[in-house]
N, C-alpha and C. Protein backbone atom coordinates (compact mmCIF):
# COMPACT_ATOMS: atom_id res chain seq x y z
N MET A 1 -21.85 26.63 -32.43
CA MET A 1 -21.93 25.15 -32.38
C MET A 1 -20.55 24.51 -31.92
N ALA A 2 -19.38 24.97 -32.42
CA ALA A 2 -18.19 24.31 -32.06
C ALA A 2 -18.04 24.45 -30.49
N MET A 3 -18.32 25.57 -29.95
CA MET A 3 -18.16 25.96 -28.60
C MET A 3 -19.07 24.79 -27.69
N LEU A 4 -20.31 24.62 -28.25
CA LEU A 4 -21.27 23.82 -27.61
C LEU A 4 -20.70 22.26 -27.47
N ARG A 5 -20.04 21.92 -28.78
CA ARG A 5 -19.59 20.63 -28.94
C ARG A 5 -18.36 20.37 -27.80
N THR A 6 -17.62 21.44 -27.82
CA THR A 6 -16.33 21.41 -26.95
C THR A 6 -16.86 21.24 -25.46
N LEU A 7 -17.82 22.03 -25.12
CA LEU A 7 -18.33 21.85 -23.68
C LEU A 7 -18.99 20.60 -23.46
N SER A 8 -19.64 20.06 -24.38
CA SER A 8 -20.22 18.56 -24.17
C SER A 8 -19.24 17.60 -24.02
N THR A 9 -18.12 17.79 -24.91
CA THR A 9 -16.97 16.64 -24.80
C THR A 9 -16.31 17.00 -23.45
N ALA A 10 -16.12 18.09 -22.95
CA ALA A 10 -15.41 18.43 -21.75
C ALA A 10 -16.28 17.90 -20.43
N ALA A 11 -17.77 18.01 -20.62
CA ALA A 11 -18.52 17.49 -19.60
C ALA A 11 -18.55 15.85 -19.54
N ILE A 12 -18.41 15.41 -20.64
CA ILE A 12 -18.40 13.88 -20.77
C ILE A 12 -17.04 13.40 -20.19
N LEU A 13 -16.04 14.03 -20.53
CA LEU A 13 -14.66 13.69 -20.01
C LEU A 13 -14.59 13.83 -18.61
N LEU A 14 -15.24 14.90 -18.10
CA LEU A 14 -15.14 15.10 -16.61
C LEU A 14 -15.93 13.97 -15.83
N MET A 15 -17.11 13.54 -16.50
CA MET A 15 -17.93 12.61 -15.94
C MET A 15 -17.14 11.39 -16.05
N VAL A 16 -16.44 10.94 -17.02
CA VAL A 16 -15.57 9.70 -17.15
C VAL A 16 -14.69 9.71 -16.07
N ILE A 17 -13.94 10.75 -15.91
CA ILE A 17 -12.71 10.82 -14.85
C ILE A 17 -13.43 10.66 -13.57
N ALA A 18 -14.53 11.37 -13.18
CA ALA A 18 -15.16 11.28 -11.95
C ALA A 18 -15.58 9.83 -11.54
N CYS A 19 -16.13 9.14 -12.68
CA CYS A 19 -16.60 7.86 -12.31
C CYS A 19 -15.47 6.77 -12.37
N ALA A 20 -14.29 7.24 -12.95
CA ALA A 20 -13.21 6.04 -13.02
C ALA A 20 -12.51 6.06 -11.69
N GLN A 21 -12.66 6.96 -10.66
CA GLN A 21 -11.91 6.76 -9.33
C GLN A 21 -12.90 7.03 -8.31
N PRO A 22 -13.59 6.06 -7.87
CA PRO A 22 -14.52 6.18 -6.64
C PRO A 22 -13.52 6.44 -5.37
N PRO A 23 -13.98 6.72 -4.31
CA PRO A 23 -13.15 6.97 -3.08
C PRO A 23 -12.14 6.03 -2.76
N ASP A 24 -12.45 4.78 -2.68
CA ASP A 24 -11.59 3.66 -2.39
C ASP A 24 -12.00 2.43 -3.24
N PRO A 25 -11.56 2.33 -4.59
CA PRO A 25 -12.09 1.22 -5.41
C PRO A 25 -11.26 -0.01 -5.04
N TRP A 26 -10.07 0.05 -4.60
CA TRP A 26 -9.28 -1.14 -4.40
C TRP A 26 -8.99 -1.09 -2.99
N PRO A 27 -9.68 -1.42 -1.91
CA PRO A 27 -9.12 -1.20 -0.53
C PRO A 27 -7.95 -2.18 -0.29
N VAL A 28 -7.28 -1.97 0.78
CA VAL A 28 -6.11 -3.02 1.23
C VAL A 28 -6.90 -4.13 1.50
N ASP A 29 -6.32 -5.24 1.12
CA ASP A 29 -6.70 -6.79 1.41
C ASP A 29 -5.79 -7.39 2.38
N PRO A 30 -6.14 -7.31 3.64
CA PRO A 30 -5.37 -8.08 4.59
C PRO A 30 -4.99 -9.40 4.34
N SER A 31 -6.06 -10.10 3.80
CA SER A 31 -5.95 -11.42 3.54
C SER A 31 -5.21 -11.90 2.23
N ALA A 32 -4.66 -11.05 1.63
CA ALA A 32 -4.09 -11.26 0.30
C ALA A 32 -2.91 -12.31 0.63
N ILE A 33 -2.77 -13.27 -0.51
CA ILE A 33 -1.87 -14.35 -0.35
C ILE A 33 -0.36 -14.00 -0.70
N ALA A 34 0.62 -14.22 0.33
CA ALA A 34 1.97 -13.99 0.07
C ALA A 34 2.54 -15.39 -0.32
N ASP A 35 2.75 -15.80 -1.61
CA ASP A 35 3.18 -17.17 -1.83
C ASP A 35 4.13 -16.96 -3.03
N PRO A 36 5.47 -17.24 -2.79
CA PRO A 36 6.45 -17.18 -3.86
C PRO A 36 6.29 -18.06 -5.06
N ALA A 37 5.37 -19.20 -4.80
CA ALA A 37 5.10 -20.02 -5.92
C ALA A 37 4.20 -19.44 -6.83
N ARG A 38 3.35 -18.41 -6.44
CA ARG A 38 2.44 -17.65 -7.18
C ARG A 38 2.84 -16.31 -7.58
N MET A 39 3.66 -15.55 -6.76
CA MET A 39 4.15 -13.98 -7.25
C MET A 39 5.47 -13.78 -6.66
N VAL A 40 6.39 -13.27 -7.41
CA VAL A 40 7.57 -12.96 -7.06
C VAL A 40 8.01 -11.58 -7.70
N VAL A 41 8.73 -10.80 -6.70
CA VAL A 41 9.16 -9.44 -7.16
C VAL A 41 10.69 -9.60 -7.36
N GLU A 42 11.23 -9.12 -8.57
CA GLU A 42 12.63 -9.17 -8.90
C GLU A 42 13.11 -7.99 -9.45
N PRO A 43 14.11 -7.32 -8.73
CA PRO A 43 14.79 -7.90 -7.68
C PRO A 43 13.92 -7.67 -6.26
N PRO A 44 14.19 -8.37 -5.28
CA PRO A 44 13.46 -8.25 -4.12
C PRO A 44 13.86 -6.95 -3.11
N THR A 45 14.91 -6.38 -3.66
CA THR A 45 15.44 -5.04 -2.85
C THR A 45 15.65 -3.97 -4.08
N ALA A 46 15.11 -2.87 -3.87
CA ALA A 46 15.25 -1.81 -4.97
C ALA A 46 15.32 -0.40 -4.27
N ILE A 47 15.50 0.60 -5.11
CA ILE A 47 15.55 1.84 -4.77
C ILE A 47 14.33 2.58 -5.29
N ALA A 48 13.87 3.58 -4.60
CA ALA A 48 12.71 4.40 -4.99
C ALA A 48 12.90 4.89 -6.38
N GLY A 49 12.05 4.80 -7.30
CA GLY A 49 12.13 5.27 -8.71
C GLY A 49 12.55 3.98 -9.65
N ASP A 50 12.96 2.97 -9.05
CA ASP A 50 13.49 1.76 -9.81
C ASP A 50 12.29 1.09 -10.55
N GLU A 51 12.53 0.27 -11.59
CA GLU A 51 11.50 -0.55 -12.16
C GLU A 51 11.71 -2.04 -11.42
N VAL A 52 10.76 -2.72 -11.26
CA VAL A 52 10.92 -4.11 -10.74
C VAL A 52 9.99 -4.88 -11.51
N LYS A 53 10.29 -6.27 -11.70
CA LYS A 53 9.60 -7.26 -12.59
C LYS A 53 8.65 -8.06 -11.60
N LEU A 54 7.58 -8.23 -11.90
CA LEU A 54 6.53 -9.26 -11.10
C LEU A 54 6.28 -10.54 -12.00
N HIS A 55 6.71 -11.56 -11.38
CA HIS A 55 6.74 -12.85 -11.89
C HIS A 55 5.58 -13.69 -11.31
N PHE A 56 4.97 -14.45 -12.18
CA PHE A 56 3.77 -15.27 -11.74
C PHE A 56 4.05 -16.72 -12.12
N PRO A 57 4.88 -17.58 -11.26
CA PRO A 57 5.27 -18.96 -11.85
C PRO A 57 4.09 -19.80 -12.09
N GLU A 58 2.98 -19.58 -11.65
CA GLU A 58 1.77 -20.48 -11.92
C GLU A 58 0.93 -19.86 -13.09
N GLY A 59 1.44 -18.71 -13.49
CA GLY A 59 0.61 -18.04 -14.57
C GLY A 59 -0.67 -17.41 -14.21
N GLY A 60 -0.79 -16.92 -12.98
CA GLY A 60 -2.06 -16.53 -12.36
C GLY A 60 -2.61 -15.35 -13.32
N ASP A 61 -4.08 -15.33 -13.13
CA ASP A 61 -4.81 -14.22 -13.88
C ASP A 61 -4.71 -12.99 -12.94
N ARG A 62 -4.68 -11.88 -13.56
CA ARG A 62 -4.53 -10.49 -12.89
C ARG A 62 -4.94 -9.45 -13.71
N GLY A 63 -5.05 -8.10 -13.29
CA GLY A 63 -5.27 -7.07 -14.09
C GLY A 63 -3.90 -6.18 -14.34
N VAL A 64 -3.89 -4.97 -14.61
CA VAL A 64 -2.77 -4.17 -14.80
C VAL A 64 -2.37 -3.41 -13.51
N LEU A 65 -3.30 -3.38 -12.52
CA LEU A 65 -3.06 -2.55 -11.42
C LEU A 65 -2.41 -3.35 -10.20
N PHE A 66 -1.37 -2.84 -9.62
CA PHE A 66 -0.72 -3.38 -8.40
C PHE A 66 -0.78 -2.26 -7.36
N ALA A 67 -0.69 -2.69 -6.09
CA ALA A 67 -0.77 -1.81 -4.85
C ALA A 67 0.49 -1.96 -4.24
N LEU A 68 1.12 -0.95 -3.70
CA LEU A 68 2.32 -1.01 -2.78
C LEU A 68 1.79 -0.60 -1.33
N ASP A 69 1.90 -1.61 -0.39
CA ASP A 69 1.41 -1.42 0.84
C ASP A 69 2.64 -1.42 1.92
N ALA A 70 2.50 -0.83 2.90
CA ALA A 70 3.59 -0.85 4.05
C ALA A 70 2.90 -1.34 5.32
N PRO A 71 3.72 -1.91 6.07
CA PRO A 71 3.01 -2.51 7.34
C PRO A 71 2.70 -1.37 8.33
N SER A 72 1.60 -1.43 9.07
CA SER A 72 1.18 -0.21 9.98
C SER A 72 0.34 -0.98 11.05
N GLY A 73 0.91 -1.02 12.18
CA GLY A 73 0.14 -1.48 13.34
C GLY A 73 -0.51 -2.84 13.16
N GLY A 74 0.20 -3.88 12.74
CA GLY A 74 -0.36 -5.19 12.45
C GLY A 74 -1.21 -5.47 11.34
N THR A 75 -1.34 -4.29 10.51
CA THR A 75 -2.07 -4.44 9.14
C THR A 75 -1.29 -3.76 8.02
N TRP A 76 -1.98 -3.39 7.07
CA TRP A 76 -1.20 -2.78 5.98
C TRP A 76 -1.90 -1.47 5.71
N GLU A 77 -1.03 -0.59 5.12
CA GLU A 77 -1.63 0.75 4.80
C GLU A 77 -1.16 1.04 3.30
N ARG A 78 -1.97 1.43 2.51
CA ARG A 78 -1.84 1.70 1.11
C ARG A 78 -0.88 2.97 0.74
N ARG A 79 0.19 2.74 0.12
CA ARG A 79 1.10 3.90 -0.02
C ARG A 79 0.98 4.40 -1.52
N ALA A 80 0.73 3.46 -2.37
CA ALA A 80 0.78 3.75 -3.92
C ALA A 80 0.04 2.71 -4.74
N TYR A 81 -0.38 3.13 -5.89
CA TYR A 81 -0.78 2.30 -6.95
C TYR A 81 0.17 2.20 -8.04
N LEU A 82 0.52 1.15 -8.65
CA LEU A 82 1.36 0.73 -9.57
C LEU A 82 0.86 0.32 -10.86
N LEU A 83 0.98 0.94 -11.95
CA LEU A 83 0.30 0.51 -13.30
C LEU A 83 1.38 -0.37 -14.05
N SER A 84 1.22 -1.46 -14.47
CA SER A 84 2.16 -2.22 -15.07
C SER A 84 2.20 -1.94 -16.58
N ASP A 85 3.21 -2.44 -17.24
CA ASP A 85 3.26 -2.46 -18.82
C ASP A 85 2.69 -3.59 -19.24
N ALA A 86 1.88 -4.47 -18.70
CA ALA A 86 1.32 -5.73 -19.23
C ALA A 86 0.43 -5.42 -20.34
N ASN A 87 -0.23 -4.25 -20.59
CA ASN A 87 -1.06 -4.07 -21.47
C ASN A 87 -0.48 -3.33 -22.68
N GLY A 88 0.90 -3.08 -22.60
CA GLY A 88 1.48 -2.33 -23.76
C GLY A 88 1.77 -0.86 -23.35
N GLY A 89 1.51 -0.30 -22.17
CA GLY A 89 1.69 0.90 -21.78
C GLY A 89 3.14 1.04 -21.10
N GLU A 90 3.47 2.29 -20.61
CA GLU A 90 4.53 2.54 -19.73
C GLU A 90 4.22 2.27 -18.35
N PRO A 91 5.00 1.70 -17.57
CA PRO A 91 4.62 1.50 -15.98
C PRO A 91 4.64 2.85 -15.38
N THR A 92 3.64 3.21 -14.53
CA THR A 92 3.53 4.24 -13.82
C THR A 92 3.31 4.09 -12.33
N ALA A 93 3.54 5.09 -11.50
CA ALA A 93 3.24 5.08 -10.03
C ALA A 93 2.53 6.11 -9.81
N HIS A 94 1.38 5.91 -8.72
CA HIS A 94 0.45 6.95 -8.39
C HIS A 94 0.20 6.99 -7.00
N GLY A 95 0.13 8.10 -6.43
CA GLY A 95 -0.27 8.10 -4.94
C GLY A 95 -1.54 7.52 -4.52
N ALA A 96 -1.58 7.00 -3.39
CA ALA A 96 -2.81 6.18 -2.98
C ALA A 96 -4.08 7.10 -3.10
N GLY A 97 -3.98 8.27 -3.00
CA GLY A 97 -5.20 9.14 -3.14
C GLY A 97 -5.43 9.97 -4.52
N GLU A 98 -4.46 9.61 -5.30
CA GLU A 98 -4.41 10.25 -6.63
C GLU A 98 -5.53 9.66 -7.62
N GLU A 99 -6.26 10.52 -8.30
CA GLU A 99 -7.15 10.18 -9.38
C GLU A 99 -6.33 9.45 -10.46
N MET A 100 -6.89 8.47 -11.08
CA MET A 100 -6.33 7.78 -12.28
C MET A 100 -7.41 6.97 -12.97
N ILE A 101 -7.20 6.64 -14.12
CA ILE A 101 -7.95 5.85 -14.91
C ILE A 101 -7.22 4.52 -15.14
N VAL A 102 -7.85 3.31 -14.87
CA VAL A 102 -7.38 2.07 -15.02
C VAL A 102 -8.20 1.32 -15.90
N GLU A 103 -7.41 0.75 -16.87
CA GLU A 103 -8.10 -0.26 -17.97
C GLU A 103 -8.30 -1.47 -17.19
N MET A 104 -9.59 -2.07 -17.32
CA MET A 104 -9.90 -3.12 -16.60
C MET A 104 -9.78 -4.28 -17.66
N VAL A 105 -8.55 -4.86 -17.76
CA VAL A 105 -8.27 -5.99 -18.71
C VAL A 105 -7.76 -7.02 -17.79
N GLY A 106 -7.89 -8.17 -18.36
CA GLY A 106 -7.30 -9.46 -17.76
C GLY A 106 -5.94 -9.89 -18.35
N ILE A 107 -5.05 -10.14 -17.51
CA ILE A 107 -3.91 -10.53 -18.07
C ILE A 107 -3.50 -11.93 -17.55
N ALA A 108 -2.81 -12.87 -18.21
CA ALA A 108 -2.64 -14.20 -17.61
C ALA A 108 -1.22 -14.44 -18.23
N GLY A 109 -0.57 -15.69 -17.54
CA GLY A 109 0.71 -16.06 -18.00
C GLY A 109 1.69 -15.76 -16.84
N PRO A 110 2.97 -16.00 -17.03
CA PRO A 110 3.94 -15.87 -16.03
C PRO A 110 4.63 -14.51 -15.89
N GLY A 111 4.31 -13.66 -16.82
CA GLY A 111 4.94 -12.22 -16.73
C GLY A 111 6.30 -12.35 -17.55
N PRO A 112 7.11 -11.53 -17.26
CA PRO A 112 7.01 -10.48 -16.13
C PRO A 112 6.23 -9.24 -16.49
N ASP A 113 5.49 -8.82 -15.56
CA ASP A 113 4.94 -7.46 -15.66
C ASP A 113 5.81 -6.47 -14.91
N THR A 114 6.34 -5.34 -15.68
CA THR A 114 7.06 -4.39 -15.09
C THR A 114 6.21 -3.12 -14.47
N VAL A 115 6.73 -2.92 -13.07
CA VAL A 115 6.11 -1.78 -12.61
C VAL A 115 7.20 -0.69 -12.01
N VAL A 116 6.88 0.29 -11.89
CA VAL A 116 7.91 1.31 -11.31
C VAL A 116 7.68 1.83 -9.99
N LEU A 117 8.59 1.90 -9.05
CA LEU A 117 8.20 2.34 -7.64
C LEU A 117 8.25 3.71 -7.65
N PRO A 118 7.40 4.34 -6.68
CA PRO A 118 7.24 5.82 -6.59
C PRO A 118 8.61 6.40 -6.33
N SER A 119 8.87 7.55 -6.96
CA SER A 119 10.28 8.08 -6.64
C SER A 119 10.46 8.75 -5.23
N ALA A 120 9.23 8.93 -4.49
CA ALA A 120 9.23 9.74 -3.37
C ALA A 120 8.79 8.74 -2.14
N ILE A 121 9.22 7.49 -2.31
CA ILE A 121 8.74 6.57 -1.17
C ILE A 121 10.02 6.48 -0.25
N ALA A 122 9.42 6.23 1.07
CA ALA A 122 10.62 6.17 2.05
C ALA A 122 11.11 4.84 1.92
N PRO A 123 12.43 4.61 2.43
CA PRO A 123 12.82 3.18 2.51
C PRO A 123 12.13 2.48 3.59
N GLY A 124 12.03 1.10 3.45
CA GLY A 124 11.58 0.14 4.36
C GLY A 124 10.97 -0.99 3.70
N ALA A 125 10.33 -1.77 4.56
CA ALA A 125 9.77 -3.08 4.17
C ALA A 125 8.29 -2.82 3.55
N TYR A 126 8.02 -3.37 2.32
CA TYR A 126 6.59 -3.16 1.83
C TYR A 126 6.10 -4.45 1.20
N ARG A 127 4.99 -4.48 0.57
CA ARG A 127 4.60 -5.60 -0.24
C ARG A 127 3.96 -5.04 -1.47
N ILE A 128 4.14 -5.74 -2.64
CA ILE A 128 3.31 -5.35 -3.92
C ILE A 128 2.33 -6.52 -3.95
N CYS A 129 1.14 -6.08 -4.26
CA CYS A 129 -0.13 -6.97 -4.36
C CYS A 129 -0.83 -6.66 -5.57
N THR A 130 -1.50 -7.76 -6.20
CA THR A 130 -2.40 -7.41 -7.16
C THR A 130 -3.41 -6.67 -6.63
N ALA A 131 -4.08 -5.57 -7.23
CA ALA A 131 -5.13 -4.74 -6.62
C ALA A 131 -6.35 -5.00 -7.21
N ASN A 132 -6.54 -5.50 -8.42
CA ASN A 132 -8.06 -5.69 -8.92
C ASN A 132 -7.83 -7.12 -9.56
N ALA A 133 -7.54 -8.13 -8.97
CA ALA A 133 -7.59 -9.57 -9.38
C ALA A 133 -8.63 -10.21 -8.65
N ALA A 134 -9.00 -11.33 -9.03
CA ALA A 134 -10.14 -12.12 -8.37
C ALA A 134 -9.70 -12.56 -7.00
N GLN A 135 -8.40 -12.97 -7.04
CA GLN A 135 -7.70 -13.54 -5.59
C GLN A 135 -6.32 -12.63 -5.56
N ASN A 136 -6.31 -11.74 -4.62
CA ASN A 136 -5.13 -10.98 -4.48
C ASN A 136 -3.91 -11.61 -4.01
N LEU A 137 -2.87 -11.49 -4.64
CA LEU A 137 -1.65 -12.03 -4.36
C LEU A 137 -0.63 -11.12 -3.91
N CYS A 138 0.37 -11.35 -3.15
CA CYS A 138 1.34 -10.45 -2.81
C CYS A 138 2.72 -10.91 -2.76
N ALA A 139 3.82 -9.99 -2.80
CA ALA A 139 5.19 -10.55 -2.47
C ALA A 139 5.84 -9.29 -1.92
N PRO A 140 6.93 -9.63 -1.11
CA PRO A 140 7.47 -8.66 -0.34
C PRO A 140 8.63 -7.90 -1.19
N ILE A 141 8.88 -6.73 -0.81
CA ILE A 141 9.99 -5.85 -1.42
C ILE A 141 10.49 -5.00 -0.39
N THR A 142 11.85 -4.70 -0.47
CA THR A 142 12.51 -3.83 0.48
C THR A 142 13.05 -2.67 -0.33
N ILE A 143 12.65 -1.42 0.00
CA ILE A 143 13.18 -0.20 -0.65
C ILE A 143 14.40 0.39 0.19
N GLU A 144 15.37 0.60 -0.44
CA GLU A 144 16.56 1.04 0.27
C GLU A 144 16.83 2.38 -0.18
N ASP A 145 17.70 3.19 0.59
CA ASP A 145 18.15 4.38 0.50
C ASP A 145 18.90 4.54 -0.90
N ARG A 146 18.99 5.62 -1.40
CA ARG A 146 19.94 5.68 -2.75
C ARG A 146 21.46 5.68 -2.28
């Protein structure tokens, strides 16, 4: 009986994980708004693996998931997802194709929301965007060499 219960629990857990990460749940939004009156990254220049603060001067509504995009041929390419600490957890970075479970919670107010940059990201110009907000906002960030 205990073995059957364990297998049932494992099957349910696998189903939850499989359902939590569809192939591309939060695609790149080329029309995301870059407006420093609405979203600011502090500091605007950081090193891979650093924590940065996201401020929302107008107190915009958002979730806890953010995206790190790099310019690519006149558009943007998703490089990573950044989970913030805004819901009480530790900030974490995940590769763009990595499976993860994201709490769908609403956050409001000026922040700051802390995110951590991936430790294996190349130096360059990027943008951090809200990934699961009603209206996606972005702010630029430069990642420098160590």
